[in-house]
Amino acid sequence: MAVVLVTREAQAQFESLPIVIQTRVEKVYQRLERWPEVSGARALAGDLAGRWRIRTGDYRLQFHVAGDVVTVEKVGHRDGFYGE
């Protein structure tokens, strides 16, 4: 089991989402607790190498893993998610 931490920035992004989406994102947090047995996570490349993303519908979570700690760094809609 992994420990899931959420940065302040990601928490603020999460809180700005509609309640329905927040519920879906919370389920993703629960899935991440089972790291590395998480389906749908993809490694990022380029400037984001070493980070991962997982999606729920049109929303994305960006995170990195250090040992048994998963740190969610960003939560948001897919439009412009990687360009910001």
N, C-alpha and C. Protein backbone atom coordinates (compact mmCIF):
# COMPACT_ATOMS: atom_id res chain seq x y z
N MET A 1 0.84 -1.19 0.00
CA MET A 1 0.00 0.00 0.00
C MET A 1 0.89 1.25 0.00
N ALA A 2 0.49 2.21 -0.79
CA ALA A 2 1.20 3.47 -0.88
C ALA A 2 0.45 4.55 -0.10
N VAL A 3 1.18 5.56 0.28
CA VAL A 3 0.60 6.74 0.91
C VAL A 3 0.42 7.78 -0.19
N VAL A 4 -0.77 8.35 -0.29
CA VAL A 4 -1.05 9.36 -1.31
C VAL A 4 -1.05 10.73 -0.65
N LEU A 5 -0.16 11.59 -1.12
CA LEU A 5 -0.09 12.98 -0.65
C LEU A 5 -0.55 13.89 -1.77
N VAL A 6 -1.16 15.00 -1.42
CA VAL A 6 -1.64 15.97 -2.41
C VAL A 6 -0.99 17.31 -2.09
N THR A 7 -0.34 17.90 -3.08
CA THR A 7 0.29 19.20 -2.86
C THR A 7 -0.78 20.27 -2.65
N ARG A 8 -0.38 21.40 -2.11
CA ARG A 8 -1.33 22.50 -1.90
C ARG A 8 -1.94 22.96 -3.22
N GLU A 9 -1.10 23.05 -4.25
CA GLU A 9 -1.58 23.48 -5.57
C GLU A 9 -2.64 22.49 -6.09
N ALA A 10 -2.35 21.20 -6.00
CA ALA A 10 -3.29 20.19 -6.47
C ALA A 10 -4.57 20.21 -5.63
N GLN A 11 -4.45 20.47 -4.33
CA GLN A 11 -5.64 20.53 -3.48
C GLN A 11 -6.52 21.72 -3.88
N ALA A 12 -5.90 22.85 -4.18
CA ALA A 12 -6.67 24.02 -4.62
C ALA A 12 -7.35 23.73 -5.95
N GLN A 13 -6.66 23.07 -6.86
CA GLN A 13 -7.25 22.70 -8.15
C GLN A 13 -8.42 21.74 -7.93
N PHE A 14 -8.24 20.77 -7.04
CA PHE A 14 -9.28 19.81 -6.72
C PHE A 14 -10.52 20.53 -6.19
N GLU A 15 -10.34 21.46 -5.29
CA GLU A 15 -11.46 22.16 -4.66
C GLU A 15 -12.23 23.04 -5.65
N SER A 16 -11.59 23.41 -6.75
CA SER A 16 -12.28 24.24 -7.74
C SER A 16 -13.09 23.41 -8.73
N LEU A 17 -12.97 22.10 -8.66
CA LEU A 17 -13.71 21.22 -9.57
C LEU A 17 -15.16 21.06 -9.13
N PRO A 18 -16.05 20.73 -10.07
CA PRO A 18 -17.43 20.42 -9.69
C PRO A 18 -17.46 19.22 -8.74
N ILE A 19 -18.45 19.17 -7.87
CA ILE A 19 -18.56 18.11 -6.86
C ILE A 19 -18.54 16.72 -7.50
N VAL A 20 -19.22 16.56 -8.62
CA VAL A 20 -19.27 15.25 -9.29
C VAL A 20 -17.86 14.81 -9.69
N ILE A 21 -17.06 15.73 -10.18
CA ILE A 21 -15.70 15.41 -10.59
C ILE A 21 -14.83 15.17 -9.36
N GLN A 22 -15.04 15.92 -8.30
CA GLN A 22 -14.29 15.70 -7.06
C GLN A 22 -14.48 14.27 -6.57
N THR A 23 -15.69 13.77 -6.66
CA THR A 23 -15.97 12.39 -6.23
C THR A 23 -15.17 11.41 -7.07
N ARG A 24 -15.11 11.64 -8.37
CA ARG A 24 -14.35 10.75 -9.25
C ARG A 24 -12.86 10.82 -8.95
N VAL A 25 -12.36 12.02 -8.69
CA VAL A 25 -10.94 12.19 -8.38
C VAL A 25 -10.60 11.50 -7.06
N GLU A 26 -11.49 11.57 -6.08
CA GLU A 26 -11.26 10.88 -4.81
C GLU A 26 -11.13 9.38 -5.02
N LYS A 27 -11.89 8.83 -5.95
CA LYS A 27 -11.78 7.40 -6.26
C LYS A 27 -10.42 7.08 -6.87
N VAL A 28 -9.89 8.01 -7.66
CA VAL A 28 -8.56 7.82 -8.23
C VAL A 28 -7.52 7.85 -7.12
N TYR A 29 -7.67 8.74 -6.15
CA TYR A 29 -6.76 8.77 -4.99
C TYR A 29 -6.75 7.39 -4.32
N GLN A 30 -7.92 6.79 -4.15
CA GLN A 30 -8.00 5.47 -3.53
C GLN A 30 -7.30 4.42 -4.38
N ARG A 31 -7.45 4.52 -5.70
CA ARG A 31 -6.76 3.58 -6.59
C ARG A 31 -5.25 3.72 -6.46
N LEU A 32 -4.76 4.97 -6.33
CA LEU A 32 -3.33 5.20 -6.23
C LEU A 32 -2.73 4.61 -4.96
N GLU A 33 -3.54 4.38 -3.96
CA GLU A 33 -3.04 3.74 -2.73
C GLU A 33 -2.54 2.32 -3.01
N ARG A 34 -2.96 1.74 -4.11
CA ARG A 34 -2.54 0.38 -4.47
C ARG A 34 -1.33 0.39 -5.41
N TRP A 35 -0.63 1.52 -5.51
CA TRP A 35 0.52 1.61 -6.40
C TRP A 35 1.51 0.51 -6.06
N PRO A 36 2.09 -0.20 -7.00
CA PRO A 36 2.11 0.01 -8.44
C PRO A 36 1.06 -0.80 -9.21
N GLU A 37 0.14 -1.45 -8.53
CA GLU A 37 -0.89 -2.23 -9.22
C GLU A 37 -2.06 -1.36 -9.64
N VAL A 38 -1.78 -0.28 -10.33
CA VAL A 38 -2.80 0.67 -10.76
C VAL A 38 -2.90 0.61 -12.28
N SER A 39 -4.07 0.32 -12.78
CA SER A 39 -4.23 0.30 -14.24
C SER A 39 -4.51 1.70 -14.76
N GLY A 40 -4.06 1.95 -15.98
CA GLY A 40 -4.35 3.23 -16.61
C GLY A 40 -3.35 4.33 -16.37
N ALA A 41 -2.37 4.12 -15.51
CA ALA A 41 -1.34 5.15 -15.27
C ALA A 41 -0.32 5.08 -16.39
N ARG A 42 0.10 6.25 -16.87
CA ARG A 42 1.09 6.29 -17.94
C ARG A 42 2.24 7.20 -17.55
N ALA A 43 3.44 6.75 -17.88
CA ALA A 43 4.63 7.56 -17.62
C ALA A 43 4.65 8.72 -18.61
N LEU A 44 5.05 9.88 -18.13
CA LEU A 44 5.18 11.06 -18.99
C LEU A 44 6.61 11.16 -19.51
N ALA A 45 6.80 11.89 -20.58
CA ALA A 45 8.11 12.02 -21.21
C ALA A 45 8.52 13.48 -21.30
N GLY A 46 9.69 13.71 -21.85
CA GLY A 46 10.18 15.07 -22.04
C GLY A 46 10.46 15.77 -20.73
N ASP A 47 10.00 17.02 -20.63
CA ASP A 47 10.22 17.80 -19.41
C ASP A 47 9.52 17.19 -18.20
N LEU A 48 8.55 16.34 -18.44
CA LEU A 48 7.79 15.72 -17.35
C LEU A 48 8.24 14.29 -17.05
N ALA A 49 9.38 13.89 -17.59
CA ALA A 49 9.91 12.56 -17.35
C ALA A 49 10.05 12.32 -15.85
N GLY A 50 9.71 11.13 -15.41
CA GLY A 50 9.75 10.81 -13.99
C GLY A 50 8.41 11.02 -13.31
N ARG A 51 7.47 11.58 -14.05
CA ARG A 51 6.13 11.80 -13.53
C ARG A 51 5.16 10.90 -14.27
N TRP A 52 4.00 10.74 -13.70
CA TRP A 52 2.96 9.88 -14.25
C TRP A 52 1.68 10.66 -14.37
N ARG A 53 0.76 10.13 -15.19
CA ARG A 53 -0.58 10.70 -15.26
C ARG A 53 -1.58 9.57 -15.26
N ILE A 54 -2.73 9.89 -14.72
CA ILE A 54 -3.85 8.97 -14.74
C ILE A 54 -5.08 9.81 -15.03
N ARG A 55 -6.03 9.22 -15.72
CA ARG A 55 -7.19 10.02 -16.12
C ARG A 55 -8.48 9.45 -15.54
N THR A 56 -9.45 10.33 -15.44
CA THR A 56 -10.81 9.95 -15.13
C THR A 56 -11.69 10.83 -16.02
N GLY A 57 -12.21 10.24 -17.06
CA GLY A 57 -12.97 11.00 -18.05
C GLY A 57 -12.08 12.04 -18.72
N ASP A 58 -12.52 13.29 -18.72
CA ASP A 58 -11.75 14.37 -19.33
C ASP A 58 -10.78 15.03 -18.36
N TYR A 59 -10.62 14.48 -17.17
CA TYR A 59 -9.76 15.07 -16.15
C TYR A 59 -8.51 14.23 -15.94
N ARG A 60 -7.44 14.90 -15.58
CA ARG A 60 -6.15 14.25 -15.42
C ARG A 60 -5.57 14.56 -14.04
N LEU A 61 -4.78 13.61 -13.53
CA LEU A 61 -3.99 13.81 -12.33
C LEU A 61 -2.55 13.54 -12.70
N GLN A 62 -1.67 14.44 -12.34
CA GLN A 62 -0.23 14.25 -12.56
C GLN A 62 0.39 13.98 -11.20
N PHE A 63 1.27 12.98 -11.15
CA PHE A 63 1.87 12.61 -9.88
C PHE A 63 3.27 12.05 -10.10
N HIS A 64 4.01 11.97 -9.01
CA HIS A 64 5.29 11.27 -9.05
C HIS A 64 5.34 10.31 -7.87
N VAL A 65 6.22 9.34 -7.99
CA VAL A 65 6.31 8.28 -7.00
C VAL A 65 7.73 8.23 -6.45
N ALA A 66 7.83 8.16 -5.12
CA ALA A 66 9.12 8.00 -4.45
C ALA A 66 8.93 6.92 -3.39
N GLY A 67 9.42 5.74 -3.69
CA GLY A 67 9.24 4.61 -2.77
C GLY A 67 7.77 4.25 -2.69
N ASP A 68 7.22 4.31 -1.49
CA ASP A 68 5.79 4.00 -1.32
C ASP A 68 4.95 5.26 -1.10
N VAL A 69 5.45 6.40 -1.58
CA VAL A 69 4.72 7.67 -1.47
C VAL A 69 4.38 8.17 -2.88
N VAL A 70 3.09 8.36 -3.11
CA VAL A 70 2.60 8.91 -4.37
C VAL A 70 2.17 10.34 -4.08
N THR A 71 2.79 11.30 -4.77
CA THR A 71 2.48 12.71 -4.55
C THR A 71 1.76 13.27 -5.77
N VAL A 72 0.50 13.66 -5.57
CA VAL A 72 -0.30 14.25 -6.64
C VAL A 72 0.08 15.72 -6.72
N GLU A 73 0.53 16.14 -7.92
CA GLU A 73 1.02 17.50 -8.10
C GLU A 73 0.04 18.41 -8.84
N LYS A 74 -0.84 17.80 -9.62
CA LYS A 74 -1.71 18.61 -10.46
C LYS A 74 -3.00 17.85 -10.75
N VAL A 75 -4.12 18.57 -10.75
CA VAL A 75 -5.43 18.00 -11.06
C VAL A 75 -6.14 18.98 -11.96
N GLY A 76 -6.67 18.50 -13.10
CA GLY A 76 -7.38 19.43 -13.95
C GLY A 76 -7.95 18.80 -15.21
N HIS A 77 -8.64 19.63 -15.97
CA HIS A 77 -9.25 19.22 -17.23
C HIS A 77 -8.14 19.01 -18.26
N ARG A 78 -8.37 18.09 -19.17
CA ARG A 78 -7.35 17.74 -20.16
C ARG A 78 -6.94 18.90 -21.05
N ASP A 79 -7.86 19.84 -21.32
CA ASP A 79 -7.54 21.00 -22.16
C ASP A 79 -6.47 21.85 -21.48
N GLY A 80 -5.30 21.90 -22.05
CA GLY A 80 -4.22 22.71 -21.51
C GLY A 80 -3.53 22.12 -20.31
N PHE A 81 -3.85 20.89 -19.96
CA PHE A 81 -3.30 20.29 -18.74
C PHE A 81 -1.78 20.24 -18.76
N TYR A 82 -1.19 19.85 -19.86
CA TYR A 82 0.25 19.69 -19.92
C TYR A 82 0.98 20.97 -20.32
N GLY A 83 0.25 21.92 -20.89
CA GLY A 83 0.87 23.15 -21.36
C GLY A 83 1.04 24.21 -20.30
N GLU A 84 0.43 24.03 -19.16
CA GLU A 84 0.48 25.06 -18.12
C GLU A 84 1.73 24.95 -17.29
